[in-house]
Amino acid sequence: MSGGKRFTGTIDRRCGARMFSEAKKIVRVETICSLLALAACAGSGATFSETHLAEPTIQKTFGRIYFYRSGTFAGSAIQPAVMIDGVKVGEAVPGGYFYVDEPVGPHEISTTTETEKYIKTTVGPGETRYVRLEVDWGYVVARVTPILVWPDQGLSEIQDLHYLGNK
């Protein structure tokens, strides 16, 4: 190699460590931005306590089912569809609630992430049910499990959650 210079020095390990440190900072910033974007998707708008009295009355041959999920950050990226009898009626959004009026009779309520979780309930004429959409941890991702709760408990827990609208 004429006229060219050969590298005869050593690599400064501090340079590589500095680059690695900078890369970690970039990943942290990207992660924080992603989490903030997800938080923005959480329920917003009027709360149950503000809108409940303006809801339409339940028809005599139907019952009402409220679905709600607390606003905790745990598992907030997981927002599976909520199904009644195999039909999507909404999504499990943190900090939000929605309701559906279903014909009197038995119904299966389910959510699916890495596994399907379901419950069965029966609604009577003009009856109201409350289903809390609870986050627990699976092997790969968080799961959202429907939990039927007593009416007084559901009414208490839903007060400050935000209305998501109905499908």
Foldseek 3Di string as FASTA:
>chain_A
DPPDDDDDDDDDVVVVVVVVVVVVVVVVVVVVVVLVVLLVQAFDDDACQRCVVVDDAADQQKEKEKEAEAQDSAQQVDWWFKDKQRHGKGIHHHLAMEMDIDGFFKIKIWTDDPHIAIDMDGGHGRHYWYWYFDWDADPPGIHTHTDTDDPVVRVVRRGRGHYPDID
